[in-house]
PDB file of N, CA and C in Angstrom:
ATOM      1  N   UNK A   1       0.840  -1.171   0.000  1.00  0.00           N
ATOM      2  CA  UNK A   1       0.000   0.000   0.000  1.00  0.00           C
ATOM      3  C   UNK A   1       0.889   1.240   0.000  1.00  0.00           C
ATOM      4  N   UNK A   2       0.663   2.121  -0.925  1.00  0.00           N
ATOM      5  CA  UNK A   2       1.437   3.346  -1.037  1.00  0.00           C
ATOM      6  C   UNK A   2       0.886   4.387  -0.064  1.00  0.00           C
ATOM      7  N   UNK A   3       1.791   5.017   0.681  1.00  0.00           N
ATOM      8  CA  UNK A   3       1.321   6.047   1.604  1.00  0.00           C
ATOM      9  C   UNK A   3       1.351   7.397   0.899  1.00  0.00           C
ATOM     10  N   UNK A   4       0.444   8.240   1.297  1.00  0.00           N
ATOM     11  CA  UNK A   4       0.388   9.554   0.664  1.00  0.00           C
ATOM     12  C   UNK A   4       1.198  10.556   1.484  1.00  0.00           C
ATOM     13  N   UNK A   5       1.645  11.570   0.808  1.00  0.00           N
ATOM     14  CA  UNK A   5       2.433  12.608   1.456  1.00  0.00           C
ATOM     15  C   UNK A   5       1.486  13.690   1.959  1.00  0.00           C
ATOM     16  N   UNK A   6       1.387  13.821   3.254  1.00  0.00           N
ATOM     17  CA  UNK A   6       0.488  14.802   3.846  1.00  0.00           C
ATOM     18  C   UNK A   6       1.293  15.936   4.476  1.00  0.00           C
ATOM     19  N   UNK A   7       0.586  17.002   4.820  1.00  0.00           N
ATOM     20  CA  UNK A   7       1.223  18.137   5.492  1.00  0.00           C
ATOM     21  C   UNK A   7       1.839  17.675   6.811  1.00  0.00           C
ATOM     22  N   UNK A   8       1.142  16.781   7.534  1.00  0.00           N
ATOM     23  CA  UNK A   8       1.657  16.273   8.808  1.00  0.00           C
ATOM     24  C   UNK A   8       2.966  15.510   8.601  1.00  0.00           C
ATOM     25  N   UNK A   9       3.008  14.654   7.577  1.00  0.00           N
ATOM     26  CA  UNK A   9       4.230  13.898   7.303  1.00  0.00           C
ATOM     27  C   UNK A   9       5.376  14.825   6.920  1.00  0.00           C
ATOM     28  N   UNK A  10       5.071  15.883   6.191  1.00  0.00           N
ATOM     29  CA  UNK A  10       6.111  16.844   5.817  1.00  0.00           C
ATOM     30  C   UNK A  10       6.696  17.514   7.060  1.00  0.00           C
ATOM     31  N   UNK A  11       5.834  17.895   7.991  1.00  0.00           N
ATOM     32  CA  UNK A  11       6.299  18.508   9.243  1.00  0.00           C
ATOM     33  C   UNK A  11       7.131  17.505  10.032  1.00  0.00           C
ATOM     34  N   UNK A  12       6.628  16.275  10.171  1.00  0.00           N
ATOM     35  CA  UNK A  12       7.359  15.233  10.887  1.00  0.00           C
ATOM     36  C   UNK A  12       8.716  14.968  10.239  1.00  0.00           C
ATOM     37  N   UNK A  13       8.747  14.870   8.926  1.00  0.00           N
ATOM     38  CA  UNK A  13       9.991  14.589   8.207  1.00  0.00           C
ATOM     39  C   UNK A  13      11.013  15.697   8.435  1.00  0.00           C
ATOM     40  N   UNK A  14      10.561  16.942   8.341  1.00  0.00           N
ATOM     41  CA  UNK A  14      11.482  18.083   8.525  1.00  0.00           C
ATOM     42  C   UNK A  14      12.085  18.073   9.933  1.00  0.00           C
ATOM     43  N   UNK A  15      11.257  17.853  10.946  1.00  0.00           N
ATOM     44  CA  UNK A  15      11.768  17.832  12.325  1.00  0.00           C
ATOM     45  C   UNK A  15      12.630  16.596  12.573  1.00  0.00           C
ATOM     46  N   UNK A  16      12.240  15.464  12.000  1.00  0.00           N
ATOM     47  CA  UNK A  16      13.029  14.240  12.118  1.00  0.00           C
ATOM     48  C   UNK A  16      14.439  14.459  11.574  1.00  0.00           C
ATOM     49  N   UNK A  17      14.541  15.116  10.435  1.00  0.00           N
ATOM     50  CA  UNK A  17      15.837  15.358   9.808  1.00  0.00           C
ATOM     51  C   UNK A  17      16.738  16.266  10.635  1.00  0.00           C
ATOM     52  N   UNK A  18      16.163  17.044  11.538  1.00  0.00           N
ATOM     53  CA  UNK A  18      16.972  17.965  12.350  1.00  0.00           C
ATOM     54  C   UNK A  18      17.721  17.264  13.484  1.00  0.00           C
ATOM     55  N   UNK A  19      17.331  16.036  13.815  1.00  0.00           N
ATOM     56  CA  UNK A  19      18.013  15.321  14.899  1.00  0.00           C
ATOM     57  C   UNK A  19      19.387  14.840  14.436  1.00  0.00           C
ATOM     58  N   UNK A  20      20.372  14.999  15.309  1.00  0.00           N
ATOM     59  CA  UNK A  20      21.730  14.553  14.991  1.00  0.00           C
ATOM     60  C   UNK A  20      22.206  13.448  15.923  1.00  0.00           C
ATOM     61  N   UNK A  21      21.389  13.090  16.902  1.00  0.00           N
ATOM     62  CA  UNK A  21      21.781  12.069  17.867  1.00  0.00           C
ATOM     63  C   UNK A  21      20.553  11.231  18.208  1.00  0.00           C
ATOM     64  N   UNK A  22      20.654  10.424  19.245  1.00  0.00           N
ATOM     65  CA  UNK A  22      19.529   9.611  19.682  1.00  0.00           C
ATOM     66  C   UNK A  22      18.378  10.515  20.133  1.00  0.00           C
ATOM     67  N   UNK A  23      17.139  10.047  19.918  1.00  0.00           N
ATOM     68  CA  UNK A  23      15.968  10.809  20.340  1.00  0.00           C
ATOM     69  C   UNK A  23      14.821   9.845  20.616  1.00  0.00           C
ATOM     70  N   UNK A  24      13.814  10.333  21.316  1.00  0.00           N
ATOM     71  CA  UNK A  24      12.619   9.543  21.609  1.00  0.00           C
ATOM     72  C   UNK A  24      11.447  10.074  20.784  1.00  0.00           C
ATOM     73  N   UNK A  25      10.374   9.305  20.765  1.00  0.00           N
ATOM     74  CA  UNK A  25       9.153   9.765  20.093  1.00  0.00           C
ATOM     75  C   UNK A  25       8.654  11.047  20.762  1.00  0.00           C
ATOM     76  N   UNK A  26       8.814  11.122  22.071  1.00  0.00           N
ATOM     77  CA  UNK A  26       8.379  12.314  22.805  1.00  0.00           C
ATOM     78  C   UNK A  26       9.207  13.533  22.420  1.00  0.00           C
ATOM     79  N   UNK A  27      10.521  13.324  22.177  1.00  0.00           N
ATOM     80  CA  UNK A  27      11.372  14.436  21.726  1.00  0.00           C
ATOM     81  C   UNK A  27      10.862  14.982  20.389  1.00  0.00           C
ATOM     82  N   UNK A  28      10.556  14.079  19.466  1.00  0.00           N
ATOM     83  CA  UNK A  28      10.038  14.498  18.166  1.00  0.00           C
ATOM     84  C   UNK A  28       8.682  15.186  18.323  1.00  0.00           C
ATOM     85  N   UNK A  29       7.831  14.622  19.159  1.00  0.00           N
ATOM     86  CA  UNK A  29       6.510  15.208  19.380  1.00  0.00           C
ATOM     87  C   UNK A  29       6.629  16.618  19.959  1.00  0.00           C
ATOM     88  N   UNK A  30       7.519  16.808  20.916  1.00  0.00           N
ATOM     89  CA  UNK A  30       7.723  18.139  21.505  1.00  0.00           C
ATOM     90  C   UNK A  30       8.145  19.157  20.448  1.00  0.00           C
ATOM     91  N   UNK A  31       9.005  18.730  19.518  1.00  0.00           N
ATOM     92  CA  UNK A  31       9.454  19.648  18.462  1.00  0.00           C
ATOM     93  C   UNK A  31       8.318  20.008  17.502  1.00  0.00           C
ATOM     94  N   UNK A  32       7.499  19.026  17.142  1.00  0.00           N
ATOM     95  CA  UNK A  32       6.457  19.323  16.162  1.00  0.00           C
ATOM     96  C   UNK A  32       5.284  20.084  16.769  1.00  0.00           C
ATOM     97  N   UNK A  33       5.074  19.943  18.079  1.00  0.00           N
ATOM     98  CA  UNK A  33       3.982  20.688  18.735  1.00  0.00           C
ATOM     99  C   UNK A  33       4.163  22.189  18.574  1.00  0.00           C
ATOM    100  N   UNK A  34       5.402  22.630  18.445  1.00  0.00           N
ATOM    101  CA  UNK A  34       5.672  24.052  18.262  1.00  0.00           C
ATOM    102  C   UNK A  34       5.183  24.531  16.897  1.00  0.00           C
ATOM    103  N   UNK A  35       5.135  23.615  15.932  1.00  0.00           N
ATOM    104  CA  UNK A  35       4.706  23.964  14.571  1.00  0.00           C
ATOM    105  C   UNK A  35       3.250  23.622  14.315  1.00  0.00           C
ATOM    106  N   UNK A  36       2.773  22.525  14.946  1.00  0.00           N
ATOM    107  CA  UNK A  36       1.403  22.078  14.694  1.00  0.00           C
ATOM    108  C   UNK A  36       0.891  21.332  15.920  1.00  0.00           C
ATOM    109  N   UNK A  37       0.027  21.972  16.679  1.00  0.00           N
ATOM    110  CA  UNK A  37      -0.506  21.374  17.909  1.00  0.00           C
ATOM    111  C   UNK A  37      -1.487  20.239  17.638  1.00  0.00           C
ATOM    112  N   UNK A  38      -1.930  20.078  16.378  1.00  0.00           N
ATOM    113  CA  UNK A  38      -2.911  19.059  16.016  1.00  0.00           C
ATOM    114  C   UNK A  38      -2.287  17.663  15.883  1.00  0.00           C
ATOM    115  N   UNK A  39      -0.971  17.585  15.665  1.00  0.00           N
ATOM    116  CA  UNK A  39      -0.324  16.282  15.460  1.00  0.00           C
ATOM    117  C   UNK A  39      -0.140  15.609  16.812  1.00  0.00           C
ATOM    118  N   UNK A  40      -0.767  14.456  16.962  1.00  0.00           N
ATOM    119  CA  UNK A  40      -0.709  13.742  18.231  1.00  0.00           C
ATOM    120  C   UNK A  40       0.443  12.753  18.300  1.00  0.00           C
ATOM    121  N   UNK A  41       0.663  12.247  19.495  1.00  0.00           N
ATOM    122  CA  UNK A  41       1.760  11.305  19.724  1.00  0.00           C
ATOM    123  C   UNK A  41       1.550  10.009  18.933  1.00  0.00           C
ATOM    124  N   UNK A  42       0.308   9.592  18.744  1.00  0.00           N
ATOM    125  CA  UNK A  42       0.041   8.368  17.971  1.00  0.00           C
ATOM    126  C   UNK A  42       0.513   8.530  16.528  1.00  0.00           C
ATOM    127  N   UNK A  43       0.342   9.707  15.967  1.00  0.00           N
ATOM    128  CA  UNK A  43       0.816   9.982  14.605  1.00  0.00           C
ATOM    129  C   UNK A  43       2.334   9.900  14.549  1.00  0.00           C
ATOM    130  N   UNK A  44       2.982  10.399  15.587  1.00  0.00           N
ATOM    131  CA  UNK A  44       4.443  10.334  15.658  1.00  0.00           C
ATOM    132  C   UNK A  44       4.892   8.872  15.688  1.00  0.00           C
ATOM    133  N   UNK A  45       4.250   8.058  16.518  1.00  0.00           N
ATOM    134  CA  UNK A  45       4.620   6.639  16.597  1.00  0.00           C
ATOM    135  C   UNK A  45       4.410   5.934  15.257  1.00  0.00           C
ATOM    136  N   UNK A  46       3.326   6.225  14.567  1.00  0.00           N
ATOM    137  CA  UNK A  46       3.081   5.621  13.246  1.00  0.00           C
ATOM    138  C   UNK A  46       4.164   6.048  12.253  1.00  0.00           C
ATOM    139  N   UNK A  47       4.534   7.319  12.296  1.00  0.00           N
ATOM    140  CA  UNK A  47       5.581   7.846  11.420  1.00  0.00           C
ATOM    141  C   UNK A  47       6.909   7.128  11.676  1.00  0.00           C
ATOM    142  N   UNK A  48       7.271   6.977  12.948  1.00  0.00           N
ATOM    143  CA  UNK A  48       8.529   6.308  13.304  1.00  0.00           C
ATOM    144  C   UNK A  48       8.492   4.824  12.925  1.00  0.00           C
ATOM    145  N   UNK A  49       7.350   4.183  13.119  1.00  0.00           N
ATOM    146  CA  UNK A  49       7.211   2.773  12.739  1.00  0.00           C
ATOM    147  C   UNK A  49       7.414   2.610  11.240  1.00  0.00           C
ATOM    148  N   UNK A  50       6.837   3.502  10.468  1.00  0.00           N
ATOM    149  CA  UNK A  50       6.979   3.465   9.011  1.00  0.00           C
ATOM    150  C   UNK A  50       8.444   3.631   8.608  1.00  0.00           C
ATOM    151  N   UNK A  51       9.157   4.544   9.238  1.00  0.00           N
ATOM    152  CA  UNK A  51      10.578   4.747   8.928  1.00  0.00           C
ATOM    153  C   UNK A  51      11.400   3.519   9.295  1.00  0.00           C
ATOM    154  N   UNK A  52      11.073   2.875  10.426  1.00  0.00           N
ATOM    155  CA  UNK A  52      11.788   1.646  10.819  1.00  0.00           C
ATOM    156  C   UNK A  52      11.550   0.546   9.794  1.00  0.00           C
ATOM    157  N   UNK A  53      10.323   0.402   9.348  1.00  0.00           N
ATOM    158  CA  UNK A  53       9.992  -0.632   8.361  1.00  0.00           C
ATOM    159  C   UNK A  53      10.705  -0.389   7.028  1.00  0.00           C
ATOM    160  N   UNK A  54      10.941   0.877   6.706  1.00  0.00           N
ATOM    161  CA  UNK A  54      11.656   1.235   5.476  1.00  0.00           C
ATOM    162  C   UNK A  54      13.173   1.236   5.684  1.00  0.00           C
ATOM    163  N   UNK A  55      13.618   0.895   6.891  1.00  0.00           N
ATOM    164  CA  UNK A  55      15.035   0.838   7.265  1.00  0.00           C
ATOM    165  C   UNK A  55      15.729   2.196   7.156  1.00  0.00           C
ATOM    166  N   UNK A  56      14.975   3.245   7.461  1.00  0.00           N
ATOM    167  CA  UNK A  56      15.535   4.597   7.474  1.00  0.00           C
ATOM    168  C   UNK A  56      15.749   5.082   8.900  1.00  0.00           C
ATOM    169  N   UNK A  57      15.460   4.207   9.859  1.00  0.00           N
ATOM    170  CA  UNK A  57      15.538   4.555  11.269  1.00  0.00           C
ATOM    171  C   UNK A  57      15.923   3.309  12.045  1.00  0.00           C
ATOM    172  N   UNK A  58      16.741   3.494  13.048  1.00  0.00           N
ATOM    173  CA  UNK A  58      17.185   2.390  13.904  1.00  0.00           C
ATOM    174  C   UNK A  58      16.638   2.626  15.305  1.00  0.00           C
ATOM    175  N   UNK A  59      16.227   1.559  15.961  1.00  0.00           N
ATOM    176  CA  UNK A  59      15.648   1.712  17.302  1.00  0.00           C
ATOM    177  C   UNK A  59      16.415   0.876  18.317  1.00  0.00           C
ATOM    178  N   UNK A  60      16.420   1.367  19.559  1.00  0.00           N
ATOM    179  CA  UNK A  60      17.134   0.746  20.671  1.00  0.00           C
ATOM    180  C   UNK A  60      16.281   0.921  21.923  1.00  0.00           C
ATOM    181  N   UNK A  61      16.628   0.197  22.972  1.00  0.00           N
ATOM    182  CA  UNK A  61      15.965   0.374  24.260  1.00  0.00           C
ATOM    183  C   UNK A  61      16.975   0.991  25.229  1.00  0.00           C
ATOM    184  N   UNK A  62      16.584   2.053  25.881  1.00  0.00           N
ATOM    185  CA  UNK A  62      17.439   2.747  26.843  1.00  0.00           C
ATOM    186  C   UNK A  62      16.575   3.133  28.035  1.00  0.00           C
ATOM    187  N   UNK A  63      16.939   2.665  29.217  1.00  0.00           N
ATOM    188  CA  UNK A  63      16.155   2.943  30.427  1.00  0.00           C
ATOM    189  C   UNK A  63      14.682   2.598  30.222  1.00  0.00           C
ATOM    190  N   UNK A  64      14.438   1.457  29.632  1.00  0.00           N
ATOM    191  CA  UNK A  64      13.099   0.913  29.377  1.00  0.00           C
ATOM    192  C   UNK A  64      12.264   1.789  28.437  1.00  0.00           C
ATOM    193  N   UNK A  65      12.935   2.646  27.652  1.00  0.00           N
ATOM    194  CA  UNK A  65      12.248   3.477  26.663  1.00  0.00           C
ATOM    195  C   UNK A  65      12.855   3.223  25.304  1.00  0.00           C
ATOM    196  N   UNK A  66      12.036   3.313  24.282  1.00  0.00           N
ATOM    197  CA  UNK A  66      12.518   3.178  22.910  1.00  0.00           C
ATOM    198  C   UNK A  66      13.176   4.486  22.502  1.00  0.00           C
ATOM    199  N   UNK A  67      14.400   4.385  21.999  1.00  0.00           N
ATOM    200  CA  UNK A  67      15.083   5.549  21.444  1.00  0.00           C
ATOM    201  C   UNK A  67      15.414   5.240  19.988  1.00  0.00           C
ATOM    202  N   UNK A  68      15.644   6.290  19.215  1.00  0.00           N
ATOM    203  CA  UNK A  68      15.830   6.152  17.778  1.00  0.00           C
ATOM    204  C   UNK A  68      17.085   6.880  17.325  1.00  0.00           C
ATOM    205  N   UNK A  69      17.599   6.440  16.186  1.00  0.00           N
ATOM    206  CA  UNK A  69      18.737   7.095  15.557  1.00  0.00           C
ATOM    207  C   UNK A  69      18.603   6.971  14.050  1.00  0.00           C
ATOM    208  N   UNK A  70      18.966   8.029  13.342  1.00  0.00           N
ATOM    209  CA  UNK A  70      18.962   7.985  11.878  1.00  0.00           C
ATOM    210  C   UNK A  70      20.166   7.215  11.373  1.00  0.00           C
ATOM    211  N   UNK A  71      21.200   7.170  12.155  1.00  0.00           N
ATOM    212  CA  UNK A  71      22.451   6.514  11.776  1.00  0.00           C
ATOM    213  C   UNK A  71      22.485   5.092  12.312  1.00  0.00           C
ATOM    214  N   UNK A  72      23.402   4.305  11.804  1.00  0.00           N
ATOM    215  CA  UNK A  72      23.583   2.939  12.285  1.00  0.00           C
ATOM    216  C   UNK A  72      24.495   2.958  13.512  1.00  0.00           C
ATOM    217  N   UNK A  73      24.143   3.765  14.476  1.00  0.00           N
ATOM    218  CA  UNK A  73      24.915   3.872  15.707  1.00  0.00           C
ATOM    219  C   UNK A  73      24.684   2.648  16.568  1.00  0.00           C
ATOM    220  N   UNK A  74      25.674   2.323  17.344  1.00  0.00           N
ATOM    221  CA  UNK A  74      25.466   1.294  18.345  1.00  0.00           C
ATOM    222  C   UNK A  74      25.017   1.979  19.623  1.00  0.00           C
ATOM    223  N   UNK A  75      24.443   1.197  20.516  1.00  0.00           N
ATOM    224  CA  UNK A  75      23.977   1.755  21.782  1.00  0.00           C
ATOM    225  C   UNK A  75      24.307   0.746  22.868  1.00  0.00           C
ATOM    226  N   UNK A  76      25.229   1.103  23.736  1.00  0.00           N
ATOM    227  CA  UNK A  76      25.699   0.164  24.755  1.00  0.00           C
ATOM    228  C   UNK A  76      25.745   0.825  26.121  1.00  0.00           C
ATOM    229  N   UNK A  77      25.458   0.026  27.150  1.00  0.00           N
ATOM    230  CA  UNK A  77      25.435   0.491  28.537  1.00  0.00           C
ATOM    231  C   UNK A  77      26.282  -0.399  29.426  1.00  0.00           C
ATOM    232  N   UNK A  78      26.771   0.208  30.489  1.00  0.00           N
ATOM    233  CA  UNK A  78      27.352  -0.523  31.605  1.00  0.00           C
ATOM    234  C   UNK A  78      26.476  -0.178  32.803  1.00  0.00           C
ATOM    235  N   UNK A  79      25.883  -1.180  33.434  1.00  0.00           N
ATOM    236  CA  UNK A  79      24.985  -0.949  34.570  1.00  0.00           C
ATOM    237  C   UNK A  79      25.611  -1.503  35.836  1.00  0.00           C
ATOM    238  N   UNK A  80      25.696  -0.667  36.870  1.00  0.00           N
ATOM    239  CA  UNK A  80      26.222  -1.097  38.164  1.00  0.00           C
ATOM    240  C   UNK A  80      25.137  -1.851  38.923  1.00  0.00           C
ATOM    241  N   UNK A  81      25.463  -3.042  39.381  1.00  0.00           N
ATOM    242  CA  UNK A  81      24.514  -3.889  40.095  1.00  0.00           C
ATOM    243  C   UNK A  81      24.323  -3.443  41.551  1.00  0.00           C
ATOM    244  N   UNK A  82      25.200  -2.568  42.042  1.00  0.00           N
ATOM    245  CA  UNK A  82      25.071  -2.096  43.439  1.00  0.00           C
ATOM    246  C   UNK A  82      24.250  -0.813  43.536  1.00  0.00           C
ATOM    247  N   UNK A  83      24.673   0.224  42.818  1.00  0.00           N
ATOM    248  CA  UNK A  83      24.003   1.529  42.947  1.00  0.00           C
ATOM    249  C   UNK A  83      22.929   1.742  41.880  1.00  0.00           C
ATOM    250  N   UNK A  84      22.935   0.931  40.836  1.00  0.00           N
ATOM    251  CA  UNK A  84      21.917   1.049  39.794  1.00  0.00           C
ATOM    252  C   UNK A  84      22.222   2.081  38.727  1.00  0.00           C
ATOM    253  N   UNK A  85      23.342   2.776  38.841  1.00  0.00           N
ATOM    254  CA  UNK A  85      23.688   3.774  37.819  1.00  0.00           C
ATOM    255  C   UNK A  85      23.979   3.078  36.496  1.00  0.00           C
ATOM    256  N   UNK A  86      23.605   3.761  35.421  1.00  0.00           N
ATOM    257  CA  UNK A  86      23.865   3.256  34.076  1.00  0.00           C
ATOM    258  C   UNK A  86      24.749   4.254  33.353  1.00  0.00           C
ATOM    259  N   UNK A  87      25.779   3.746  32.708  1.00  0.00           N
ATOM    260  CA  UNK A  87      26.714   4.575  31.967  1.00  0.00           C
ATOM    261  C   UNK A  87      26.686   4.156  30.506  1.00  0.00           C
ATOM    262  N   UNK A  88      26.648   5.134  29.606  1.00  0.00           N
ATOM    263  CA  UNK A  88      26.771   4.809  28.188  1.00  0.00           C
ATOM    264  C   UNK A  88      28.234   4.495  27.901  1.00  0.00           C
ATOM    265  N   UNK A  89      28.464   3.441  27.142  1.00  0.00           N
ATOM    266  CA  UNK A  89      29.826   3.082  26.764  1.00  0.00           C
ATOM    267  C   UNK A  89      29.907   3.036  25.242  1.00  0.00           C
ATOM    268  N   UNK A  90      31.094   3.262  24.727  1.00  0.00           N
ATOM    269  CA  UNK A  90      31.297   3.323  23.286  1.00  0.00           C
ATOM    270  C   UNK A  90      32.053   2.073  22.833  1.00  0.00           C
ATOM    271  N   UNK A  91      31.371   1.180  22.163  1.00  0.00           N
ATOM    272  CA  UNK A  91      31.984  -0.023  21.607  1.00  0.00           C
ATOM    273  C   UNK A  91      31.929   0.134  20.089  1.00  0.00           C
ATOM    274  N   UNK A  92      33.084   0.220  19.473  1.00  0.00           N
ATOM    275  CA  UNK A  92      33.117   0.481  18.033  1.00  0.00           C
ATOM    276  C   UNK A  92      33.361  -0.771  17.204  1.00  0.00           C
ATOM    277  N   UNK A  93      33.922  -1.796  17.811  1.00  0.00           N
ATOM    278  CA  UNK A  93      34.363  -2.934  17.035  1.00  0.00           C
ATOM    279  C   UNK A  93      33.778  -4.231  17.574  1.00  0.00           C
ATOM    280  N   UNK A  94      33.168  -4.990  16.688  1.00  0.00           N
ATOM    281  CA  UNK A  94      32.592  -6.289  17.070  1.00  0.00           C
ATOM    282  C   UNK A  94      33.265  -7.435  16.325  1.00  0.00           C
ATOM    283  N   UNK A  95      34.528  -7.258  15.960  1.00  0.00           N
ATOM    284  CA  UNK A  95      35.223  -8.306  15.216  1.00  0.00           C
ATOM    285  C   UNK A  95      35.172  -9.651  15.931  1.00  0.00           C
ATOM    286  N   UNK A  96      35.183  -9.631  17.267  1.00  0.00           N
ATOM    287  CA  UNK A  96      35.197 -10.878  18.034  1.00  0.00           C
ATOM    288  C   UNK A  96      33.904 -11.674  17.886  1.00  0.00           C
ATOM    289  N   UNK A  97      32.838 -11.048  17.453  1.00  0.00           N
ATOM    290  CA  UNK A  97      31.554 -11.755  17.346  1.00  0.00           C
ATOM    291  C   UNK A  97      31.085 -11.946  15.899  1.00  0.00           C
ATOM    292  N   UNK A  98      31.695 -11.255  14.967  1.00  0.00           N
ATOM    293  CA  UNK A  98      31.247 -11.313  13.571  1.00  0.00           C
ATOM    294  C   UNK A  98      31.205 -12.733  13.024  1.00  0.00           C
ATOM    295  N   UNK A  99      32.182 -13.560  13.388  1.00  0.00           N
ATOM    296  CA  UNK A  99      32.215 -14.927  12.855  1.00  0.00           C
ATOM    297  C   UNK A  99      31.098 -15.795  13.427  1.00  0.00           C
ATOM    298  N   UNK A 100      30.465 -15.350  14.507  1.00  0.00           N
ATOM    299  CA  UNK A 100      29.367 -16.086  15.124  1.00  0.00           C
ATOM    300  C   UNK A 100      28.002 -15.699  14.552  1.00  0.00           C
ATOM    301  N   UNK A 101      27.961 -14.619  13.792  1.00  0.00           N
ATOM    302  CA  UNK A 101      26.702 -14.088  13.247  1.00  0.00           C
ATOM    303  C   UNK A 101      26.483 -14.626  11.834  1.00  0.00           C
ATOM    304  N   UNK A 102      25.326 -15.228  11.573  1.00  0.00           N
ATOM    305  CA  UNK A 102      25.055 -15.745  10.229  1.00  0.00           C
ATOM    306  C   UNK A 102      24.477 -14.669   9.298  1.00  0.00           C
ATOM    307  N   UNK A 103      25.134 -13.527   9.219  1.00  0.00           N
ATOM    308  CA  UNK A 103      24.674 -12.414   8.396  1.00  0.00           C
ATOM    309  C   UNK A 103      25.515 -11.187   8.684  1.00  0.00           C
ATOM    310  N   UNK A 104      25.044 -10.053   8.239  1.00  0.00           N
ATOM    311  CA  UNK A 104      25.753  -8.793   8.455  1.00  0.00           C
ATOM    312  C   UNK A 104      25.164  -8.038   9.636  1.00  0.00           C
ATOM    313  N   UNK A 105      26.012  -7.353  10.372  1.00  0.00           N
ATOM    314  CA  UNK A 105      25.568  -6.549  11.510  1.00  0.00           C
ATOM    315  C   UNK A 105      25.244  -5.150  11.010  1.00  0.00           C
ATOM    316  N   UNK A 106      24.039  -4.699  11.286  1.00  0.00           N
ATOM    317  CA  UNK A 106      23.604  -3.344  10.923  1.00  0.00           C
ATOM    318  C   UNK A 106      23.969  -2.384  12.060  1.00  0.00           C
ATOM    319  N   UNK A 107      23.489  -2.691  13.243  1.00  0.00           N
ATOM    320  CA  UNK A 107      23.790  -1.940  14.452  1.00  0.00           C
ATOM    321  C   UNK A 107      23.606  -2.899  15.620  1.00  0.00           C
ATOM    322  N   UNK A 108      24.031  -2.490  16.804  1.00  0.00           N
ATOM    323  CA  UNK A 108      23.905  -3.379  17.947  1.00  0.00           C
ATOM    324  C   UNK A 108      23.615  -2.610  19.218  1.00  0.00           C
ATOM    325  N   UNK A 109      23.113  -3.362  20.193  1.00  0.00           N
ATOM    326  CA  UNK A 109      22.869  -2.829  21.523  1.00  0.00           C
ATOM    327  C   UNK A 109      23.413  -3.850  22.509  1.00  0.00           C
ATOM    328  N   UNK A 110      24.241  -3.395  23.426  1.00  0.00           N
ATOM    329  CA  UNK A 110      24.858  -4.285  24.414  1.00  0.00           C
ATOM    330  C   UNK A 110      24.630  -3.709  25.800  1.00  0.00           C
ATOM    331  N   UNK A 111      24.261  -4.566  26.725  1.00  0.00           N
ATOM    332  CA  UNK A 111      24.097  -4.196  28.134  1.00  0.00           C
ATOM    333  C   UNK A 111      25.108  -5.013  28.937  1.00  0.00           C
ATOM    334  N   UNK A 112      26.031  -4.332  29.607  1.00  0.00           N
ATOM    335  CA  UNK A 112      27.055  -4.977  30.419  1.00  0.00           C
ATOM    336  C   UNK A 112      26.764  -4.642  31.873  1.00  0.00           C
ATOM    337  N   UNK A 113      26.818  -5.656  32.748  1.00  0.00           N
ATOM    338  CA  UNK A 113      26.542  -5.441  34.178  1.00  0.00           C
ATOM    339  C   UNK A 113      27.796  -5.714  34.986  1.00  0.00           C
ATOM    340  N   UNK A 114      27.921  -5.016  36.104  1.00  0.00           N
ATOM    341  CA  UNK A 114      29.065  -5.202  36.985  1.00  0.00           C
ATOM    342  C   UNK A 114      28.949  -4.296  38.189  1.00  0.00           C
ATOM    343  N   UNK A 115      30.087  -3.996  38.813  1.00  0.00           N
ATOM    344  CA  UNK A 115      30.142  -3.086  39.961  1.00  0.00           C
ATOM    345  C   UNK A 115      31.047  -1.924  39.578  1.00  0.00           C
ATOM    346  N   UNK A 116      30.492  -0.712  39.615  1.00  0.00           N
ATOM    347  CA  UNK A 116      31.256   0.467  39.200  1.00  0.00           C
ATOM    348  C   UNK A 116      32.410   0.747  40.167  1.00  0.00           C
ATOM    349  N   UNK A 117      33.353   1.590  39.749  1.00  0.00           N
ATOM    350  CA  UNK A 117      34.527   1.910  40.564  1.00  0.00           C
ATOM    351  C   UNK A 117      34.143   2.527  41.902  1.00  0.00           C
ATOM    352  N   UNK A 118      33.143   3.425  41.908  1.00  0.00           N
ATOM    353  CA  UNK A 118      32.721   4.059  43.169  1.00  0.00           C
ATOM    354  C   UNK A 118      32.247   3.017  44.171  1.00  0.00           C
ATOM    355  N   UNK A 119      31.423   2.091  43.722  1.00  0.00           N
ATOM    356  CA  UNK A 119      30.912   1.046  44.624  1.00  0.00           C
ATOM    357  C   UNK A 119      32.026   0.095  45.038  1.00  0.00           C
ATOM    358  N   UNK A 120      32.924  -0.224  44.130  1.00  0.00           N
ATOM    359  CA  UNK A 120      34.058  -1.091  44.472  1.00  0.00           C
ATOM    360  C   UNK A 120      34.919  -0.436  45.545  1.00  0.00           C
ATOM    361  N   UNK A 121      35.170   0.869  45.412  1.00  0.00           N
ATOM    362  CA  UNK A 121      35.965   1.596  46.393  1.00  0.00           C
ATOM    363  C   UNK A 121      35.295   1.604  47.750  1.00  0.00           C
ATOM    364  N   UNK A 122      33.974   1.746  47.801  1.00  0.00           N
ATOM    365  CA  UNK A 122      33.226   1.752  49.065  1.00  0.00           C
ATOM    366  C   UNK A 122      33.358   0.406  49.774  1.00  0.00           C
ATOM    367  N   UNK A 123      33.263  -0.681  49.021  1.00  0.00           N
ATOM    368  CA  UNK A 123      33.348  -2.016  49.614  1.00  0.00           C
ATOM    369  C   UNK A 123      34.766  -2.322  50.090  1.00  0.00           C
ATOM    370  N   UNK A 124      35.784  -1.854  49.361  1.00  0.00           N
ATOM    371  CA  UNK A 124      37.163  -2.128  49.725  1.00  0.00           C
ATOM    372  C   UNK A 124      37.609  -1.319  50.943  1.00  0.00           C
ATOM    373  N   UNK A 125      36.997  -0.151  51.161  1.00  0.00           N
ATOM    374  CA  UNK A 125      37.413   0.708  52.274  1.00  0.00           C
ATOM    375  C   UNK A 125      36.783   0.278  53.601  1.00  0.00           C
ATOM    376  N   UNK A 126      35.855  -0.664  53.563  1.00  0.00           N
ATOM    377  CA  UNK A 126      35.187  -1.105  54.807  1.00  0.00           C
ATOM    378  C   UNK A 126      36.016  -2.116  55.538  1.00  0.00           C
TER     379      UNK A 126
END
C-alpha cells in the first residue's frame, strides 16, 4: 500500500531530519507541537514505525524506553549492580563476534553489568 504525502508527514519529516543524535518519540513530538498542535503522539509513533519498516531509522531500548537514531549507531550500557547507575559506553568494534553471526551486523545494543569503581571503592574501604 502506497502512503500519501500529507502536510503532517512533511512537518514530521522536517523535524526528524533535524536530529543529529539519539531521540525519543516524545522528543520528536515536543518539536512538532511548536509547529502544529494538532499532530498527536500516535501519529508520531506511526511515522517512526513506518521509517523503521523502510530501514531509514534504527531503534534501541534505553532505560526501558525506545530511542531512535537515523544513523547505524550502536547503543551500549554498563549498569552497576550495586548503585543502579547506568553509563553509556562506546563499543566500536565487534570483530570478536562477527564470525558467530550468520549475516551482516547493521547496528547493535549491548548491556554490560558489573560493579562500578565508586561502589568497588566503598566495599574495599570497609
